[in-house]
């Protein structure tokens, strides 16, 4: 169990309280029991010296045992608590416990007595009842607190589901305590977020739809121009707008989808082939000789897009129009020969970050941003490194490996 958890601390407090309270009550109970026994002995000593035995015994709640068989049975089977032997001619006494009753056997030179302590409510009995009531109260309080804490575990699981992108989680709990209030606030926050997400999706889709038509018409109109330079300029502008809209729509689709629900196990080589087909790449441009060929759990549609973007980026900026891919230590590395990227590593994966070069004149600076967004959704960490004239994008896939 986690030593920093509330439940661990609660259990520790309950155990310590039980041990300390039990020890304290036991000490007080034994002390009072001893005092009660000594008081019984004192009164019994006075009883055997008085002339009116029965009257005194009745007044002090002491029973005198006269039946010989009963006396012999008690003396034979009773447990000795205290014993005191005096010199010859003096009184000797033994304190017994037999069947939850306390007896005192007194031996005198002239007569022997067996006295039974009367049953009445005493201080030790009160302490015993108080201890039972205390323990039951603590136990009831402990169970009550456990019931109050349990919904926090439920709330935590729901938050984990929400973290994975599930906006249909119901946080409402039928409780009027702090946990119920917290759940209610979460539910309201989720509802507001869901409305905001739906509004954003509706806005993006409608804007894309409204822009697609004029872009298509603009491209058609551009084809009709007689001036070739103006024609190419207009076509370039409209194509860039079309690419931008498609990239924004793909980001919106990724954000709206629960990746975990659609994830399945695939060989990396299978995903790589799908990415190559999207780019219409020739095999010579991708150098891949699998030594491991990992099986990973992914949403194949979106993960293929991420791999496609890495392939496109690597070939575009390579000096020999090729990219090498290799696998080791639960990592997949995309490497290409070429100059180091002009973009700072901290800004490389931000939207609209792009190199101003002829190789990237048509890019919008969204490729790596979309790639990282997809990889983050899959819990795959991507890093950039430059060593020995090679640009490398390293994918840490340990969290998505399938157990074969």
Protein backbone atom coordinates (compact mmCIF):
# COMPACT_ATOMS: atom_id res chain seq x y z
CA UNK A 1 0.00 0.00 0.00
CA UNK A 2 1.21 3.54 -0.77
CA UNK A 3 2.54 5.04 2.48
CA UNK A 4 1.50 8.51 1.31
CA UNK A 5 -2.11 7.53 0.70
CA UNK A 6 -4.95 8.71 2.92
CA UNK A 7 -6.12 5.12 3.42
CA UNK A 8 -2.71 4.01 4.74
CA UNK A 9 -2.61 6.90 7.21
CA UNK A 10 -6.18 6.22 8.29
CA UNK A 11 -5.40 2.53 8.93
CA UNK A 12 -2.27 3.49 10.85
CA UNK A 13 -4.20 5.93 13.05
CA UNK A 14 -6.91 3.33 13.74
CA UNK A 15 -4.38 0.62 14.66
CA UNK A 16 -2.43 2.95 16.96
CA UNK A 17 -5.65 4.18 18.58
CA UNK A 18 -6.81 0.60 19.15
CA UNK A 19 -3.48 -0.49 20.67
CA UNK A 20 -3.02 2.55 22.92
CA UNK A 21 -6.65 2.66 24.09
CA UNK A 22 -6.71 -1.10 24.76
CA UNK A 23 -3.48 -0.89 26.78
CA UNK A 24 -4.81 2.08 28.76
CA UNK A 25 -8.19 0.50 29.47
CA UNK A 26 -6.54 -2.80 30.39
CA UNK A 27 -4.23 -1.05 32.87
CA UNK A 28 -7.14 0.80 34.49
CA UNK A 29 -9.31 -2.35 34.52
CA UNK A 30 -6.60 -4.48 36.21
CA UNK A 31 -5.89 -1.73 38.73
CA UNK A 32 -9.55 -1.36 39.66
CA UNK A 33 -10.00 -5.14 39.73
CA UNK A 34 -7.10 -5.45 42.18
CA UNK A 35 -8.56 -2.70 44.34
CA UNK A 36 -11.95 -4.42 44.29
CA UNK A 37 -10.37 -7.74 45.31
CA UNK A 38 -8.43 -6.16 48.18
CA UNK A 39 -11.59 -4.44 49.35
CA UNK A 40 -13.33 -7.85 49.28
CA UNK A 41 -10.47 -9.35 51.31
CA UNK A 42 -10.61 -6.51 53.85
CA UNK A 43 -14.35 -6.86 54.37
CA UNK A 44 -14.07 -10.65 54.57
CA UNK A 45 -11.42 -10.39 57.29
CA UNK A 46 -13.72 -8.16 59.28
CA UNK A 47 -16.61 -10.57 58.64
CA UNK A 48 -14.91 -13.61 60.21
CA UNK A 49 -14.19 -11.56 63.34
CA UNK A 50 -17.71 -10.27 63.86
CA UNK A 51 -20.28 -12.13 65.92
CA UNK A 52 -23.24 -11.50 63.59
CA UNK A 53 -21.81 -13.12 60.44
CA UNK A 54 -24.95 -13.32 58.33
CA UNK A 55 -26.06 -9.76 58.95
CA UNK A 56 -22.64 -8.37 58.17
CA UNK A 57 -22.28 -10.59 55.07
CA UNK A 58 -25.62 -9.43 53.74
CA UNK A 59 -24.78 -5.78 54.32
CA UNK A 60 -21.45 -6.13 52.48
CA UNK A 61 -22.86 -8.28 49.64
CA UNK A 62 -20.79 -11.34 50.63
CA UNK A 63 -22.10 -14.91 50.42
CA UNK A 64 -21.02 -17.54 52.92
CA UNK A 65 -20.62 -21.03 51.39
CA UNK A 66 -21.57 -23.76 53.88
CA UNK A 67 -22.12 -26.77 51.64
CA UNK A 68 -19.16 -29.12 52.12
CA UNK A 69 -19.38 -30.70 48.64
CA UNK A 70 -19.55 -27.29 47.01
CA UNK A 71 -16.59 -26.10 49.06
CA UNK A 72 -14.50 -29.13 48.09
CA UNK A 73 -15.42 -28.72 44.40
CA UNK A 74 -14.47 -25.04 44.36
CA UNK A 75 -11.19 -25.58 46.21
CA UNK A 76 -10.30 -28.42 43.83
CA UNK A 77 -10.98 -26.64 40.53
CA UNK A 78 -10.61 -22.95 41.29
CA UNK A 79 -7.74 -20.81 40.00
CA UNK A 80 -5.58 -19.16 42.66
CA UNK A 81 -5.26 -15.39 42.31
CA UNK A 82 -3.62 -14.42 45.60
CA UNK A 83 -2.36 -16.39 48.58
CA UNK A 84 -1.07 -15.40 52.00
CA UNK A 85 0.22 -17.74 54.64
CA UNK A 86 0.70 -16.51 58.18
CA UNK A 87 2.68 -18.04 61.07
CA UNK A 88 1.03 -20.88 62.96
CA UNK A 89 -2.00 -19.86 64.92
CA UNK A 90 -2.78 -16.92 62.66
CA UNK A 91 -5.24 -16.51 59.76
CA UNK A 92 -4.26 -17.79 56.30
CA UNK A 93 -6.24 -16.88 53.19
CA UNK A 94 -6.37 -17.70 49.47
CA UNK A 95 -8.19 -15.71 46.78
CA UNK A 96 -9.76 -17.91 44.06
CA UNK A 97 -11.43 -17.46 40.69
CA UNK A 98 -14.03 -20.07 39.74
CA UNK A 99 -16.58 -19.81 36.93
CA UNK A 100 -16.29 -16.01 36.73
CA UNK A 101 -16.90 -15.70 40.49
CA UNK A 102 -14.37 -14.58 43.09
CA UNK A 103 -13.95 -16.58 46.32
CA UNK A 104 -11.88 -16.11 49.46
CA UNK A 105 -10.91 -19.09 51.59
CA UNK A 106 -9.91 -18.11 55.13
CA UNK A 107 -8.24 -20.57 57.49
CA UNK A 108 -8.36 -19.70 61.20
CA UNK A 109 -7.28 -21.76 64.23
CA UNK A 110 -10.89 -22.29 65.20
CA UNK A 111 -12.81 -22.38 61.85
CA UNK A 112 -12.45 -22.23 58.05
CA UNK A 113 -14.56 -19.97 55.83
CA UNK A 114 -15.29 -19.92 52.09
CA UNK A 115 -16.74 -16.57 51.08
CA UNK A 116 -18.11 -15.60 47.69
CA UNK A 117 -17.92 -12.06 46.37
CA UNK A 118 -21.40 -10.80 45.60
CA UNK A 119 -22.35 -9.95 42.01
CA UNK A 120 -22.98 -6.24 41.63
CA UNK A 121 -22.05 -3.53 39.18
CA UNK A 122 -18.56 -2.29 40.03
CA UNK A 123 -15.91 0.12 38.74
CA UNK A 124 -14.08 -2.61 36.70
CA UNK A 125 -17.38 -3.53 35.05
CA UNK A 126 -17.94 0.12 34.18
CA UNK A 127 -14.44 0.37 32.65
CA UNK A 128 -15.03 -2.80 30.62
CA UNK A 129 -18.33 -1.48 29.24
CA UNK A 130 -16.72 1.88 28.53
CA UNK A 131 -13.91 0.15 26.59
CA UNK A 132 -16.39 -1.86 24.49
CA UNK A 133 -18.43 1.28 23.72
CA UNK A 134 -15.24 3.17 22.81
CA UNK A 135 -13.97 0.43 20.48
CA UNK A 136 -17.38 0.05 18.79
CA UNK A 137 -17.56 3.84 18.31
CA UNK A 138 -14.06 3.99 16.83
CA UNK A 139 -14.85 1.04 14.54
CA UNK A 140 -18.09 2.67 13.40
CA UNK A 141 -16.25 5.94 12.75
CA UNK A 142 -13.52 4.07 10.83
CA UNK A 143 -16.06 2.31 8.59
CA UNK A 144 -17.90 5.59 8.06
CA UNK A 145 -14.69 7.34 6.98
CA UNK A 146 -13.83 4.43 4.64
CA UNK A 147 -17.24 4.79 3.00
CA UNK A 148 -16.59 8.50 2.60
CA UNK A 149 -13.17 7.91 1.06
CA UNK A 150 -14.24 5.14 -1.34
CA UNK A 151 -15.96 7.54 -3.81
CA UNK A 152 -12.59 9.29 -4.21
CA UNK A 153 -11.26 6.09 -5.83
CA UNK A 154 -14.29 6.04 -8.14
CA UNK A 155 -13.71 9.72 -8.91
CA UNK A 156 -10.05 9.05 -9.66
CA UNK A 157 -10.90 6.28 -12.16
CA UNK A 158 -13.37 8.60 -13.89
CA UNK A 159 -10.74 11.35 -14.07
CA UNK A 160 -8.34 8.86 -15.68
CA UNK A 161 -11.00 8.08 -18.28
CA UNK A 162 -11.51 11.81 -18.84
CA UNK A 163 -7.74 12.26 -19.23
CA UNK A 164 -7.82 9.70 -22.04
CA UNK A 165 -10.31 11.89 -23.91
CA UNK A 166 -13.65 10.42 -22.86
CA UNK A 167 -15.97 13.41 -22.39
CA UNK A 168 -19.04 11.26 -21.72
CA UNK A 169 -18.01 10.47 -18.14
CA UNK A 170 -20.71 11.05 -15.52
CA UNK A 171 -19.11 12.48 -12.37
CA UNK A 172 -22.32 12.91 -10.41
CA UNK A 173 -22.37 11.20 -7.00
CA UNK A 174 -25.43 11.13 -4.73
CA UNK A 175 -23.57 12.59 -1.76
CA UNK A 176 -23.87 15.83 0.16
CA UNK A 177 -20.33 15.90 1.58
CA UNK A 178 -17.12 17.43 0.17
CA UNK A 179 -16.59 14.50 -2.23
CA UNK A 180 -20.07 14.93 -3.66
CA UNK A 181 -19.49 18.69 -4.05
CA UNK A 182 -16.17 18.02 -5.82
CA UNK A 183 -17.84 15.51 -8.16
CA UNK A 184 -20.58 18.02 -8.94
CA UNK A 185 -18.00 20.71 -9.80
CA UNK A 186 -16.17 18.23 -12.06
CA UNK A 187 -19.42 17.36 -13.81
CA UNK A 188 -20.18 21.03 -14.48
CA UNK A 189 -16.63 21.61 -15.76
CA UNK A 190 -16.92 18.58 -18.09
CA UNK A 191 -20.29 19.78 -19.38
CA UNK A 192 -18.85 23.22 -20.15
CA UNK A 193 -15.79 21.67 -21.80
CA UNK A 194 -17.98 19.35 -23.86
CA UNK A 195 -20.10 22.28 -25.06
CA UNK A 196 -16.96 24.24 -25.91
CA UNK A 197 -15.48 21.26 -27.80
CA UNK A 198 -18.68 20.68 -29.73
CA UNK A 199 -18.86 24.39 -30.63
CA UNK A 200 -15.23 24.33 -31.80
CA UNK A 201 -15.79 21.22 -33.89
CA UNK A 202 -18.95 22.69 -35.40
CA UNK A 203 -17.11 25.93 -36.18
CA UNK A 204 -14.12 24.21 -37.80
CA UNK A 205 -16.27 21.89 -39.90
CA UNK A 206 -18.48 24.71 -41.12
CA UNK A 207 -15.56 27.00 -41.87
CA UNK A 208 -13.81 24.19 -43.76
CA UNK A 209 -16.98 23.43 -45.69
CA UNK A 210 -17.49 27.10 -46.57
CA UNK A 211 -13.86 27.48 -47.67
CA UNK A 212 -13.63 24.27 -49.68
CA UNK A 213 -16.08 25.45 -52.31
CA UNK A 214 -14.43 28.84 -53.13
CA UNK A 215 -11.01 27.18 -53.09
CA UNK A 216 -12.17 24.58 -55.61
CA UNK A 217 -13.73 27.30 -57.77
CA UNK A 218 -10.55 29.39 -57.48
CA UNK A 219 -8.40 26.48 -58.65
CA UNK A 220 -10.70 25.89 -61.62
CA UNK A 221 -10.68 29.61 -62.49
CA UNK A 222 -6.89 29.68 -62.22
CA UNK A 223 -6.60 26.92 -64.79
CA UNK A 224 -8.42 29.18 -67.27
CA UNK A 225 -5.89 31.99 -67.01
CA UNK A 226 -3.73 32.57 -70.10
CA UNK A 227 -0.83 34.05 -68.14
CA UNK A 228 1.16 31.01 -66.97
CA UNK A 229 2.95 32.88 -64.14
CA UNK A 230 -0.27 34.26 -62.70
CA UNK A 231 -1.88 30.87 -63.14
CA UNK A 232 0.85 29.08 -61.12
CA UNK A 233 0.81 31.76 -58.42
CA UNK A 234 -2.93 31.43 -57.91
CA UNK A 235 -2.78 27.63 -57.98
CA UNK A 236 -0.01 27.68 -55.35
CA UNK A 237 -2.07 29.93 -53.08
CA UNK A 238 -5.20 27.81 -53.37
CA UNK A 239 -3.26 24.55 -52.88
CA UNK A 240 -1.66 25.95 -49.71
CA UNK A 241 -5.09 26.93 -48.41
CA UNK A 242 -6.42 23.46 -49.21
CA UNK A 243 -3.50 21.80 -47.39
CA UNK A 244 -3.99 24.08 -44.39
CA UNK A 245 -7.70 23.24 -44.12
CA UNK A 246 -7.02 19.51 -44.43
CA UNK A 247 -4.37 19.68 -41.70
CA UNK A 248 -6.69 21.60 -39.37
CA UNK A 249 -9.47 19.10 -39.98
CA UNK A 250 -7.15 16.19 -39.25
CA UNK A 251 -6.17 17.79 -35.93
CA UNK A 252 -9.84 18.25 -35.06
CA UNK A 253 -10.57 14.60 -35.89
CA UNK A 254 -7.69 13.38 -33.72
CA UNK A 255 -8.80 15.55 -30.80
CA UNK A 256 -12.36 14.27 -31.02
CA UNK A 257 -11.46 10.58 -31.16
CA UNK A 258 -10.71 8.28 -28.24
CA UNK A 259 -7.47 6.67 -29.44
CA UNK A 260 -7.46 3.91 -26.81
CA UNK A 261 -10.84 2.50 -27.87
CA UNK A 262 -9.73 2.12 -31.49
CA UNK A 263 -6.20 0.87 -30.80
CA UNK A 264 -5.13 -2.63 -31.89
CA UNK A 265 -1.84 -4.48 -32.25
CA UNK A 266 0.02 -4.13 -35.57
CA UNK A 267 3.51 -4.89 -36.81
CA UNK A 268 5.47 -1.68 -37.36
CA UNK A 269 6.44 -2.87 -40.83
CA UNK A 270 2.73 -3.04 -41.69
CA UNK A 271 2.18 0.56 -40.55
CA UNK A 272 5.27 1.68 -42.45
CA UNK A 273 4.00 0.16 -45.70
CA UNK A 274 0.67 1.99 -45.29
CA UNK A 275 2.53 5.28 -44.74
CA UNK A 276 4.66 4.71 -47.86
CA UNK A 277 1.53 4.15 -49.95
CA UNK A 278 0.08 7.47 -48.77
CA UNK A 279 3.21 9.24 -50.08
CA UNK A 280 3.55 7.06 -53.20
CA UNK A 281 7.15 6.39 -52.15
CA UNK A 282 9.51 4.07 -53.93
CA UNK A 283 11.20 1.41 -51.84
CA UNK A 284 14.65 2.83 -52.61
CA UNK A 285 13.88 6.01 -50.68
CA UNK A 286 13.13 4.18 -47.43
CA UNK A 287 15.96 2.10 -46.01
CA UNK A 288 14.41 -0.26 -43.51
CA UNK A 289 15.82 -3.62 -42.50
CA UNK A 290 13.97 -4.71 -39.37
CA UNK A 291 16.01 -6.51 -36.73
CA UNK A 292 13.11 -6.61 -34.27
CA UNK A 293 9.94 -5.50 -36.10
CA UNK A 294 8.03 -4.41 -32.99
CA UNK A 295 4.34 -5.10 -32.54
CA UNK A 296 2.64 -1.97 -31.22
CA UNK A 297 -0.87 -1.09 -30.10
CA UNK A 298 -2.09 1.96 -32.02
CA UNK A 299 -4.95 3.54 -33.93
CA UNK A 300 -3.60 2.54 -37.33
CA UNK A 301 -5.25 5.38 -39.27
CA UNK A 302 -3.79 8.20 -37.18
CA UNK A 303 -0.48 6.51 -36.38
CA UNK A 304 0.06 5.94 -40.10
CA UNK A 305 -0.37 9.70 -40.62
CA UNK A 306 2.33 10.37 -37.99
CA UNK A 307 4.74 7.94 -39.66
CA UNK A 308 3.88 9.39 -43.07
CA UNK A 309 4.75 12.90 -41.85
CA UNK A 310 8.09 11.69 -40.44
CA UNK A 311 8.91 9.98 -43.74
CA UNK A 312 7.94 13.04 -45.75
CA UNK A 313 9.93 15.37 -43.49
CA UNK A 314 13.01 13.12 -43.50
CA UNK A 315 13.14 12.65 -47.28
CA UNK A 316 12.37 16.33 -47.94
CA UNK A 317 15.35 17.57 -45.89
CA UNK A 318 17.80 14.76 -46.67
CA UNK A 319 20.81 15.33 -48.83
CA UNK A 320 20.27 12.10 -50.78
CA UNK A 321 16.42 11.94 -50.79
CA UNK A 322 16.42 8.84 -48.58
CA UNK A 323 15.53 8.05 -44.99
CA UNK A 324 16.79 5.23 -42.77
CA UNK A 325 14.67 3.55 -40.13
CA UNK A 326 15.95 1.22 -37.45
CA UNK A 327 14.77 -0.17 -34.13
CA UNK A 328 16.59 -0.74 -30.84
CA UNK A 329 15.95 -0.61 -27.08
CA UNK A 330 12.18 -0.10 -27.49
CA UNK A 331 12.80 2.87 -29.80
CA UNK A 332 12.16 3.51 -33.49
CA UNK A 333 14.59 5.97 -35.07
CA UNK A 334 14.02 7.92 -38.29
CA UNK A 335 17.37 9.17 -39.62
CA UNK A 336 18.38 11.18 -42.68
CA UNK A 337 21.67 12.72 -43.80
CA UNK A 338 21.58 16.50 -44.08
CA UNK A 339 22.15 19.83 -42.39
CA UNK A 340 20.94 20.43 -38.88
CA UNK A 341 17.48 21.95 -38.62
CA UNK A 342 17.42 25.73 -38.37
CA UNK A 343 14.47 25.59 -35.98
CA UNK A 344 15.15 25.46 -32.25
CA UNK A 345 14.38 22.06 -30.69
CA UNK A 346 11.90 23.61 -28.24
CA UNK A 347 9.88 25.13 -31.10
CA UNK A 348 10.25 22.34 -33.65
CA UNK A 349 6.91 20.70 -32.81
CA UNK A 350 4.92 23.92 -32.46
CA UNK A 351 2.29 24.74 -35.14
CA UNK A 352 3.39 26.80 -38.14
CA UNK A 353 7.09 26.30 -37.32
CA UNK A 354 8.89 25.74 -40.63
CA UNK A 355 12.22 26.31 -42.29
CA UNK A 356 12.31 29.03 -44.93
CA UNK A 357 14.03 27.06 -47.66
CA UNK A 358 13.27 25.96 -51.20
CA UNK A 359 12.75 22.41 -49.97
CA UNK A 360 9.90 23.54 -47.76
CA UNK A 361 8.29 26.28 -49.79
CA UNK A 362 4.92 24.49 -49.94
CA UNK A 363 4.84 23.36 -46.31
CA UNK A 364 2.58 24.97 -43.72
CA UNK A 365 4.61 24.03 -40.64
CA UNK A 366 1.92 21.71 -39.30
CA UNK A 367 3.40 18.31 -40.18
CA UNK A 368 5.54 17.82 -37.07
CA UNK A 369 2.90 19.45 -34.88
CA UNK A 370 0.30 16.93 -36.09
CA UNK A 371 2.83 14.11 -35.68
CA UNK A 372 3.60 15.01 -32.08
CA UNK A 373 -0.11 15.47 -31.34
CA UNK A 374 -0.82 11.93 -32.59
CA UNK A 375 2.17 10.45 -30.75
CA UNK A 376 1.20 12.20 -27.50
CA UNK A 377 -2.27 10.69 -27.84
CA UNK A 378 -0.59 7.27 -28.05
CA UNK A 379 1.70 8.04 -25.07
CA UNK A 380 4.76 7.89 -27.34
CA UNK A 381 7.55 10.37 -26.60
CA UNK A 382 9.30 11.85 -29.65
CA UNK A 383 12.66 13.64 -29.46
CA UNK A 384 15.00 15.23 -32.01
CA UNK A 385 18.78 14.81 -32.14
CA UNK A 386 21.56 15.70 -34.57
CA UNK A 387 24.69 13.53 -34.60
CA UNK A 388 27.44 12.97 -37.18
CA UNK A 389 25.58 14.81 -39.91
CA UNK A 390 22.31 12.94 -39.28
CA UNK A 391 18.93 14.35 -38.29
CA UNK A 392 17.17 11.84 -36.05
CA UNK A 393 13.62 11.65 -34.75
CA UNK A 394 13.46 9.07 -31.95
CA UNK A 395 10.16 7.45 -30.93
CA UNK A 396 10.03 5.83 -27.48
CA UNK A 397 7.40 3.09 -27.93
CA UNK A 398 7.78 1.15 -24.66
CA UNK A 399 4.27 2.15 -23.51
CA UNK A 400 2.54 0.80 -26.63
CA UNK A 401 4.38 -2.49 -27.09
CA UNK A 402 2.07 -5.50 -27.37
CA UNK A 403 2.75 -8.55 -25.24
CA UNK A 404 3.38 -11.33 -27.69
